[in-house]
PDB file of N, CA and C in Angstrom:
ATOM      1  N   MET A   1      17.490 101.079  40.855  1.00  0.00           N
ATOM      2  CA  MET A   1      17.925 102.236  41.590  1.00  0.00           C
ATOM      3  C   MET A   1      18.275 101.804  43.015  1.00  0.00           C
ATOM      4  N   LYS A   2      19.378 102.289  43.502  1.00  0.00           N
ATOM      5  CA  LYS A   2      19.822 101.970  44.860  1.00  0.00           C
ATOM      6  C   LYS A   2      18.888 102.629  45.871  1.00  0.00           C
ATOM      7  N   GLN A   3      18.591 101.921  46.951  1.00  0.00           N
ATOM      8  CA  GLN A   3      17.758 102.471  48.021  1.00  0.00           C
ATOM      9  C   GLN A   3      18.498 102.305  49.338  1.00  0.00           C
ATOM     10  N   ILE A   4      18.486 103.376  50.148  1.00  0.00           N
ATOM     11  CA  ILE A   4      19.080 103.294  51.476  1.00  0.00           C
ATOM     12  C   ILE A   4      18.030 103.670  52.504  1.00  0.00           C
ATOM     13  N   ASP A   5      18.223 103.181  53.717  1.00  0.00           N
ATOM     14  CA  ASP A   5      17.301 103.418  54.820  1.00  0.00           C
ATOM     15  C   ASP A   5      18.072 104.111  55.932  1.00  0.00           C
ATOM     16  N   VAL A   6      17.767 105.390  56.166  1.00  0.00           N
ATOM     17  CA  VAL A   6      18.460 106.147  57.203  1.00  0.00           C
ATOM     18  C   VAL A   6      17.528 106.462  58.376  1.00  0.00           C
ATOM     19  N   ARG A   7      16.427 105.743  58.458  1.00  0.00           N
ATOM     20  CA  ARG A   7      15.496 105.947  59.564  1.00  0.00           C
ATOM     21  C   ARG A   7      16.184 105.620  60.880  1.00  0.00           C
ATOM     22  N   GLY A   8      15.963 106.488  61.861  1.00  0.00           N
ATOM     23  CA  GLY A   8      16.512 106.270  63.192  1.00  0.00           C
ATOM     24  C   GLY A   8      17.942 106.719  63.381  1.00  0.00           C
ATOM     25  N   LEU A   9      18.586 107.200  62.328  1.00  0.00           N
ATOM     26  CA  LEU A   9      19.972 107.651  62.443  1.00  0.00           C
ATOM     27  C   LEU A   9      20.028 109.130  62.800  1.00  0.00           C
ATOM     28  N   ALA A  10      20.983 109.490  63.661  1.00  0.00           N
ATOM     29  CA  ALA A  10      21.164 110.884  64.066  1.00  0.00           C
ATOM     30  C   ALA A  10      22.054 111.597  63.056  1.00  0.00           C
ATOM     31  N   CYS A  11      21.786 112.866  62.845  1.00  0.00           N
ATOM     32  CA  CYS A  11      22.608 113.672  61.944  1.00  0.00           C
ATOM     33  C   CYS A  11      24.002 113.792  62.533  1.00  0.00           C
ATOM     34  N   PRO A  12      25.003 113.765  61.680  1.00  0.00           N
ATOM     35  CA  PRO A  12      24.981 113.914  60.227  1.00  0.00           C
ATOM     36  C   PRO A  12      24.973 112.586  59.467  1.00  0.00           C
ATOM     37  N   GLN A  13      24.763 111.456  60.136  1.00  0.00           N
ATOM     38  CA  GLN A  13      24.868 110.152  59.486  1.00  0.00           C
ATOM     39  C   GLN A  13      23.981 109.990  58.256  1.00  0.00           C
ATOM     40  N   PRO A  14      22.723 110.471  58.256  1.00  0.00           N
ATOM     41  CA  PRO A  14      21.917 110.327  57.033  1.00  0.00           C
ATOM     42  C   PRO A  14      22.536 111.022  55.813  1.00  0.00           C
ATOM     43  N   VAL A  15      23.155 112.174  56.023  1.00  0.00           N
ATOM     44  CA  VAL A  15      23.799 112.889  54.909  1.00  0.00           C
ATOM     45  C   VAL A  15      25.050 112.131  54.459  1.00  0.00           C
ATOM     46  N   ILE A  16      25.810 111.611  55.410  1.00  0.00           N
ATOM     47  CA  ILE A  16      27.010 110.843  55.073  1.00  0.00           C
ATOM     48  C   ILE A  16      26.624 109.602  54.272  1.00  0.00           C
ATOM     49  N   ASP A  17      25.585 108.893  54.724  1.00  0.00           N
ATOM     50  CA  ASP A  17      25.131 107.700  54.000  1.00  0.00           C
ATOM     51  C   ASP A  17      24.626 108.057  52.605  1.00  0.00           C
ATOM     52  N   THR A  18      23.949 109.196  52.483  1.00  0.00           N
ATOM     53  CA  THR A  18      23.464 109.660  51.177  1.00  0.00           C
ATOM     54  C   THR A  18      24.638 109.936  50.246  1.00  0.00           C
ATOM     55  N   GLN A  19      25.656 110.603  50.755  1.00  0.00           N
ATOM     56  CA  GLN A  19      26.835 110.909  49.947  1.00  0.00           C
ATOM     57  C   GLN A  19      27.506 109.621  49.472  1.00  0.00           C
ATOM     58  N   GLN A  20      27.654 108.647  50.349  1.00  0.00           N
ATOM     59  CA  GLN A  20      28.267 107.375  49.975  1.00  0.00           C
ATOM     60  C   GLN A  20      27.430 106.652  48.922  1.00  0.00           C
ATOM     61  N   ALA A  21      26.111 106.672  49.088  1.00  0.00           N
ATOM     62  CA  ALA A  21      25.219 106.011  48.123  1.00  0.00           C
ATOM     63  C   ALA A  21      25.314 106.677  46.754  1.00  0.00           C
ATOM     64  N   LEU A  22      25.393 108.004  46.732  1.00  0.00           N
ATOM     65  CA  LEU A  22      25.501 108.711  45.455  1.00  0.00           C
ATOM     66  C   LEU A  22      26.861 108.475  44.803  1.00  0.00           C
ATOM     67  N   ASN A  23      27.892 108.267  45.600  1.00  0.00           N
ATOM     68  CA  ASN A  23      29.200 107.922  45.035  1.00  0.00           C
ATOM     69  C   ASN A  23      29.132 106.562  44.349  1.00  0.00           C
ATOM     70  N   GLU A  24      28.345 105.634  44.910  1.00  0.00           N
ATOM     71  CA  GLU A  24      28.204 104.296  44.339  1.00  0.00           C
ATOM     72  C   GLU A  24      27.189 104.250  43.204  1.00  0.00           C
ATOM     73  N   SER A  25      26.209 105.149  43.245  1.00  0.00           N
ATOM     74  CA  SER A  25      25.124 105.161  42.264  1.00  0.00           C
ATOM     75  C   SER A  25      24.846 106.611  41.849  1.00  0.00           C
ATOM     76  N   PRO A  26      25.745 107.209  41.054  1.00  0.00           N
ATOM     77  CA  PRO A  26      25.649 108.644  40.758  1.00  0.00           C
ATOM     78  C   PRO A  26      24.411 109.064  39.963  1.00  0.00           C
ATOM     79  N   GLU A  27      23.690 108.110  39.364  1.00  0.00           N
ATOM     80  CA  GLU A  27      22.480 108.491  38.637  1.00  0.00           C
ATOM     81  C   GLU A  27      21.335 108.821  39.585  1.00  0.00           C
ATOM     82  N   GLY A  28      21.424 108.348  40.836  1.00  0.00           N
ATOM     83  CA  GLY A  28      20.404 108.688  41.819  1.00  0.00           C
ATOM     84  C   GLY A  28      20.166 107.571  42.810  1.00  0.00           C
ATOM     85  N   VAL A  29      19.476 107.909  43.898  1.00  0.00           N
ATOM     86  CA  VAL A  29      19.145 106.940  44.940  1.00  0.00           C
ATOM     87  C   VAL A  29      17.769 107.263  45.507  1.00  0.00           C
ATOM     88  N   ASP A  30      17.172 106.260  46.133  1.00  0.00           N
ATOM     89  CA  ASP A  30      15.950 106.437  46.913  1.00  0.00           C
ATOM     90  C   ASP A  30      16.350 106.333  48.376  1.00  0.00           C
ATOM     91  N   ILE A  31      15.826 107.236  49.208  1.00  0.00           N
ATOM     92  CA  ILE A  31      16.238 107.297  50.604  1.00  0.00           C
ATOM     93  C   ILE A  31      14.999 107.304  51.494  1.00  0.00           C
ATOM     94  N   LEU A  32      14.947 106.386  52.439  1.00  0.00           N
ATOM     95  CA  LEU A  32      13.880 106.357  53.427  1.00  0.00           C
ATOM     96  C   LEU A  32      14.328 107.137  54.651  1.00  0.00           C
ATOM     97  N   VAL A  33      13.558 108.163  55.041  1.00  0.00           N
ATOM     98  CA  VAL A  33      13.858 108.975  56.220  1.00  0.00           C
ATOM     99  C   VAL A  33      12.637 109.018  57.123  1.00  0.00           C
ATOM    100  N   ASP A  34      12.896 109.315  58.402  1.00  0.00           N
ATOM    101  CA  ASP A  34      11.777 109.402  59.335  1.00  0.00           C
ATOM    102  C   ASP A  34      11.811 110.656  60.198  1.00  0.00           C
ATOM    103  N   SER A  35      12.714 111.580  59.881  1.00  0.00           N
ATOM    104  CA  SER A  35      12.754 112.829  60.643  1.00  0.00           C
ATOM    105  C   SER A  35      12.829 114.018  59.698  1.00  0.00           C
ATOM    106  N   VAL A  36      12.209 115.081  60.121  1.00  0.00           N
ATOM    107  CA  VAL A  36      12.201 116.311  59.321  1.00  0.00           C
ATOM    108  C   VAL A  36      13.617 116.872  59.202  1.00  0.00           C
ATOM    109  N   THR A  37      14.393 116.773  60.266  1.00  0.00           N
ATOM    110  CA  THR A  37      15.763 117.290  60.235  1.00  0.00           C
ATOM    111  C   THR A  37      16.596 116.551  59.200  1.00  0.00           C
ATOM    112  N   ALA A  38      16.532 115.224  59.205  1.00  0.00           N
ATOM    113  CA  ALA A  38      17.284 114.437  58.223  1.00  0.00           C
ATOM    114  C   ALA A  38      16.814 114.766  56.810  1.00  0.00           C
ATOM    115  N   LYS A  39      15.511 114.866  56.616  1.00  0.00           N
ATOM    116  CA  LYS A  39      14.948 115.208  55.305  1.00  0.00           C
ATOM    117  C   LYS A  39      15.505 116.541  54.811  1.00  0.00           C
ATOM    118  N   ASN A  40      15.445 117.558  55.666  1.00  0.00           N
ATOM    119  CA  ASN A  40      15.915 118.884  55.269  1.00  0.00           C
ATOM    120  C   ASN A  40      17.404 118.894  54.972  1.00  0.00           C
ATOM    121  N   ASN A  41      18.197 118.216  55.795  1.00  0.00           N
ATOM    122  CA  ASN A  41      19.644 118.182  55.571  1.00  0.00           C
ATOM    123  C   ASN A  41      20.004 117.429  54.297  1.00  0.00           C
ATOM    124  N   ILE A  42      19.324 116.318  54.038  1.00  0.00           N
ATOM    125  CA  ILE A  42      19.570 115.557  52.809  1.00  0.00           C
ATOM    126  C   ILE A  42      19.172 116.382  51.589  1.00  0.00           C
ATOM    127  N   GLU A  43      18.004 117.012  51.641  1.00  0.00           N
ATOM    128  CA  GLU A  43      17.561 117.843  50.507  1.00  0.00           C
ATOM    129  C   GLU A  43      18.558 118.958  50.230  1.00  0.00           C
ATOM    130  N   ARG A  44      19.040 119.612  51.264  1.00  0.00           N
ATOM    131  CA  ARG A  44      20.015 120.697  51.084  1.00  0.00           C
ATOM    132  C   ARG A  44      21.287 120.155  50.440  1.00  0.00           C
ATOM    133  N   PHE A  45      21.797 119.038  50.943  1.00  0.00           N
ATOM    134  CA  PHE A  45      23.026 118.451  50.412  1.00  0.00           C
ATOM    135  C   PHE A  45      22.881 118.059  48.943  1.00  0.00           C
ATOM    136  N   VAL A  46      21.802 117.350  48.602  1.00  0.00           N
ATOM    137  CA  VAL A  46      21.681 116.860  47.224  1.00  0.00           C
ATOM    138  C   VAL A  46      21.450 118.001  46.235  1.00  0.00           C
ATOM    139  N   LYS A  47      20.715 119.027  46.633  1.00  0.00           N
ATOM    140  CA  LYS A  47      20.500 120.171  45.737  1.00  0.00           C
ATOM    141  C   LYS A  47      21.810 120.903  45.492  1.00  0.00           C
ATOM    142  N   LEU A  48      22.632 121.065  46.536  1.00  0.00           N
ATOM    143  CA  LEU A  48      23.933 121.703  46.358  1.00  0.00           C
ATOM    144  C   LEU A  48      24.874 120.847  45.512  1.00  0.00           C
ATOM    145  N   SER A  49      24.591 119.543  45.444  1.00  0.00           N
ATOM    146  CA  SER A  49      25.401 118.613  44.653  1.00  0.00           C
ATOM    147  C   SER A  49      24.882 118.452  43.228  1.00  0.00           C
ATOM    148  N   GLY A  50      23.846 119.217  42.859  1.00  0.00           N
ATOM    149  CA  GLY A  50      23.349 119.196  41.492  1.00  0.00           C
ATOM    150  C   GLY A  50      22.250 118.192  41.211  1.00  0.00           C
ATOM    151  N   TYR A  51      21.618 117.671  42.254  1.00  0.00           N
ATOM    152  CA  TYR A  51      20.544 116.699  42.082  1.00  0.00           C
ATOM    153  C   TYR A  51      19.184 117.356  42.311  1.00  0.00           C
ATOM    154  N   GLN A  52      18.159 116.698  41.798  1.00  0.00           N
ATOM    155  CA  GLN A  52      16.776 117.079  42.080  1.00  0.00           C
ATOM    156  C   GLN A  52      16.228 116.065  43.056  1.00  0.00           C
ATOM    157  N   VAL A  53      15.309 116.503  43.896  1.00  0.00           N
ATOM    158  CA  VAL A  53      14.748 115.597  44.894  1.00  0.00           C
ATOM    159  C   VAL A  53      13.245 115.830  45.006  1.00  0.00           C
ATOM    160  N   ASP A  54      12.506 114.739  45.109  1.00  0.00           N
ATOM    161  CA  ASP A  54      11.088 114.843  45.441  1.00  0.00           C
ATOM    162  C   ASP A  54      10.789 113.740  46.449  1.00  0.00           C
ATOM    163  N   GLY A  55       9.689 113.886  47.153  1.00  0.00           N
ATOM    164  CA  GLY A  55       9.389 112.934  48.208  1.00  0.00           C
ATOM    165  C   GLY A  55       7.927 112.563  48.251  1.00  0.00           C
ATOM    166  N   GLU A  56       7.691 111.424  48.862  1.00  0.00           N
ATOM    167  CA  GLU A  56       6.318 110.988  49.085  1.00  0.00           C
ATOM    168  C   GLU A  56       6.283 110.193  50.380  1.00  0.00           C
ATOM    169  N   GLU A  57       5.170 110.280  51.080  1.00  0.00           N
ATOM    170  CA  GLU A  57       5.013 109.551  52.328  1.00  0.00           C
ATOM    171  C   GLU A  57       4.725 108.087  52.029  1.00  0.00           C
ATOM    172  N   THR A  58       5.342 107.205  52.810  1.00  0.00           N
ATOM    173  CA  THR A  58       5.105 105.775  52.648  1.00  0.00           C
ATOM    174  C   THR A  58       3.947 105.346  53.551  1.00  0.00           C
ATOM    175  N   ALA A  59       3.494 104.125  53.374  1.00  0.00           N
ATOM    176  CA  ALA A  59       2.364 103.611  54.143  1.00  0.00           C
ATOM    177  C   ALA A  59       2.648 103.581  55.643  1.00  0.00           C
ATOM    178  N   ASP A  60       3.914 103.422  56.019  1.00  0.00           N
ATOM    179  CA  ASP A  60       4.254 103.350  57.445  1.00  0.00           C
ATOM    180  C   ASP A  60       4.608 104.706  58.050  1.00  0.00           C
ATOM    181  N   GLY A  61       4.377 105.794  57.303  1.00  0.00           N
ATOM    182  CA  GLY A  61       4.598 107.138  57.819  1.00  0.00           C
ATOM    183  C   GLY A  61       5.985 107.698  57.600  1.00  0.00           C
ATOM    184  N   ALA A  62       6.878 106.929  56.997  1.00  0.00           N
ATOM    185  CA  ALA A  62       8.210 107.434  56.659  1.00  0.00           C
ATOM    186  C   ALA A  62       8.099 108.276  55.388  1.00  0.00           C
ATOM    187  N   LEU A  63       9.193 108.867  54.990  1.00  0.00           N
ATOM    188  CA  LEU A  63       9.230 109.640  53.759  1.00  0.00           C
ATOM    189  C   LEU A  63      10.251 109.013  52.833  1.00  0.00           C
ATOM    190  N   LEU A  64       9.853 108.802  51.579  1.00  0.00           N
ATOM    191  CA  LEU A  64      10.749 108.276  50.560  1.00  0.00           C
ATOM    192  C   LEU A  64      11.202 109.442  49.696  1.00  0.00           C
ATOM    193  N   LEU A  65      12.489 109.751  49.761  1.00  0.00           N
ATOM    194  CA  LEU A  65      13.061 110.814  48.930  1.00  0.00           C
ATOM    195  C   LEU A  65      13.658 110.179  47.687  1.00  0.00           C
ATOM    196  N   ARG A  66      13.278 110.706  46.527  1.00  0.00           N
ATOM    197  CA  ARG A  66      13.837 110.232  45.259  1.00  0.00           C
ATOM    198  C   ARG A  66      14.818 111.292  44.758  1.00  0.00           C
ATOM    199  N   VAL A  67      16.076 110.916  44.712  1.00  0.00           N
ATOM    200  CA  VAL A  67      17.147 111.823  44.310  1.00  0.00           C
ATOM    201  C   VAL A  67      17.609 111.421  42.923  1.00  0.00           C
ATOM    202  N   ARG A  68      17.561 112.359  41.987  1.00  0.00           N
ATOM    203  CA  ARG A  68      17.929 112.085  40.599  1.00  0.00           C
ATOM    204  C   ARG A  68      18.748 113.238  40.032  1.00  0.00           C
ATOM    205  N   ARG A  69      19.545 112.925  39.013  1.00  0.00           N
ATOM    206  CA  ARG A  69      20.294 113.967  38.286  1.00  0.00           C
ATOM    207  C   ARG A  69      19.355 114.804  37.503  1.00  0.00           C
TER     208      ARG A  69
END
């Protein structure tokens, strides 16, 4: 599964990177985020695009979003 790291990026870049990753890997991607705003925007985008998303906190305090069809 493709994984992207959007930590430290200002919106809308995390959503743009997510869209590009899903174009390359339409079955799903894992996304590392570090801001609530990026998390919320990515979740909104992927749900509107027909994906399911769940998340878990990583050991370093980031959030790993798992986006799947």
